[in-house]
Protein backbone atom coordinates (compact mmCIF):
# COMPACT_ATOMS: atom_id res chain seq x y z
CA MET A 1 15.74 22.50 -7.64
CA PRO A 2 18.09 19.92 -9.21
CA GLU A 3 16.76 18.36 -11.42
CA TYR A 4 17.99 14.63 -10.57
CA LEU A 5 15.42 15.24 -7.43
CA ARG A 6 12.56 15.78 -10.12
CA ALA A 7 13.31 12.85 -12.13
CA LEU A 8 13.44 10.72 -8.87
CA HIS A 9 9.96 12.09 -8.25
CA GLU A 10 8.72 11.40 -11.62
CA ARG A 11 10.06 7.79 -11.33
CA PHE A 12 8.34 6.93 -8.48
CA SER A 13 5.29 9.11 -8.17
CA LYS A 14 2.50 7.17 -9.79
CA ALA A 15 -0.89 8.24 -10.43
CA SER A 16 -3.41 6.42 -8.21
CA PRO A 17 -6.69 4.61 -9.93
CA GLU A 18 -8.82 7.12 -7.98
CA ALA A 19 -6.69 10.37 -9.09
CA ILE A 20 -7.39 8.85 -12.50
CA ARG A 21 -10.83 8.56 -12.02
CA ILE A 22 -11.14 12.66 -10.76
CA GLN A 23 -9.08 13.27 -13.45
CA ARG A 24 -11.83 11.96 -15.94
CA GLU A 25 -14.42 13.17 -13.82
CA ARG A 26 -12.72 16.85 -14.43
CA ASP A 27 -12.41 16.45 -18.01
CA ARG A 28 -16.09 15.68 -18.48
CA ILE A 29 -17.37 18.23 -16.82
CA LEU A 30 -14.73 20.92 -18.70
CA ALA A 31 -16.30 19.31 -21.92
CA ARG A 32 -20.05 20.28 -20.81
CA LEU A 33 -18.45 23.58 -19.52
CA ARG A 34 -16.87 24.40 -22.89
CA GLY A 35 -20.46 25.06 -24.49
CA GLN A 36 -21.83 26.65 -21.84
CA LEU A 37 -19.25 29.60 -21.26
CA GLY A 38 -17.95 32.27 -23.12
CA LYS A 39 -14.86 32.43 -24.57
CA SER A 40 -12.98 34.97 -21.58
CA GLN A 41 -14.92 32.55 -19.24
CA ARG A 42 -13.25 29.58 -20.84
CA ILE A 43 -9.86 31.29 -21.06
CA LEU A 44 -10.35 31.82 -17.03
CA LEU A 45 -11.54 28.63 -16.24
CA LEU A 46 -8.45 26.88 -18.04
CA HIS A 47 -5.90 29.46 -16.25
CA LEU A 48 -7.48 28.29 -13.02
CA LEU A 49 -7.36 24.73 -13.68
CA ASP A 50 -3.74 25.32 -15.09
CA LEU A 51 -2.69 27.10 -11.57
CA GLU A 52 -4.40 24.18 -9.93
CA ASP A 53 -2.34 21.24 -11.45
CA ASP A 54 0.98 23.20 -11.38
CA LEU A 55 -0.24 23.75 -7.34
CA ARG A 56 -0.86 19.96 -7.16
CA ASP A 57 2.49 19.11 -8.97
CA GLN A 58 4.41 21.35 -6.56
CA THR A 59 2.82 20.12 -3.65
CA SER A 60 3.29 16.52 -4.85
CA LEU A 61 7.39 17.24 -5.40
CA ASP A 62 7.36 18.97 -1.85
CA SER A 63 5.81 16.16 -0.08
CA PHE A 64 8.34 13.62 -1.79
CA LEU A 65 11.56 15.72 -1.06
CA ALA A 66 9.97 15.80 2.75
CA GLY A 67 9.95 11.96 2.62
CA ILE A 68 13.56 12.14 1.51
CA ARG A 69 14.52 14.71 4.11
CA LEU A 70 12.84 12.60 6.83
CA ALA A 71 14.81 9.14 5.30
CA ARG A 72 18.14 11.12 5.60
CA GLY A 73 17.68 12.13 9.01
CA ILE A 74 16.49 8.72 10.14
CA GLU A 75 19.85 7.27 8.42
CA GLN A 76 21.71 9.92 10.42
CA GLU A 77 19.95 9.09 13.75
CA LEU A 78 20.68 5.39 13.09
CA ASP A 79 24.36 6.00 12.27
CA ASP A 80 25.14 7.96 15.50
CA LEU A 81 23.69 4.67 17.18
CA PRO A 82 26.10 2.06 18.12
CA PRO A 83 25.64 -1.05 16.23
CA TYR A 84 23.13 -3.50 16.94
CA SER A 85 24.15 -6.46 18.47
CA PHE A 86 21.76 -9.78 19.30
CA ASP A 87 24.24 -11.54 21.86
CA GLY A 88 24.66 -8.35 23.67
CA GLU A 89 21.34 -7.59 23.97
CA ASN A 90 20.70 -11.13 25.39
CA GLU A 91 23.81 -10.93 27.83
CA GLU A 92 22.21 -7.61 28.98
CA GLN A 93 18.83 -9.09 29.24
CA ALA A 94 20.53 -12.22 31.30
CA ARG A 95 22.20 -9.52 33.70
CA LYS A 96 19.09 -7.86 34.29
CA ARG A 97 17.03 -11.18 35.45
CA ASN A 98 19.92 -11.97 37.50
CA GLY A 99 19.83 -8.81 39.41
CA GLY A 100 23.19 -7.45 37.97
CA ASP A 101 24.38 -4.61 36.23
């Protein structure tokens, strides 16, 4: 993936207050588990959390790119339309009201 898209994503992706709250809760639970799990279990748990973070980051990036593609598609559709004319629309409406085409 081009680095400029990744940079755009980082520039415009902001953590919501809810996301920050969830991350703090996760960190609090991890701190509690640290004393209760054995070393191999902690390693597996941390690996799982790393994978979860990677998946979340990739999903966020995929969503961002889908939004860019959607915007490009809308732009292309709008480019295919004739330019909008307020006067032309008024004339068309007047013709329809008067029964002429």
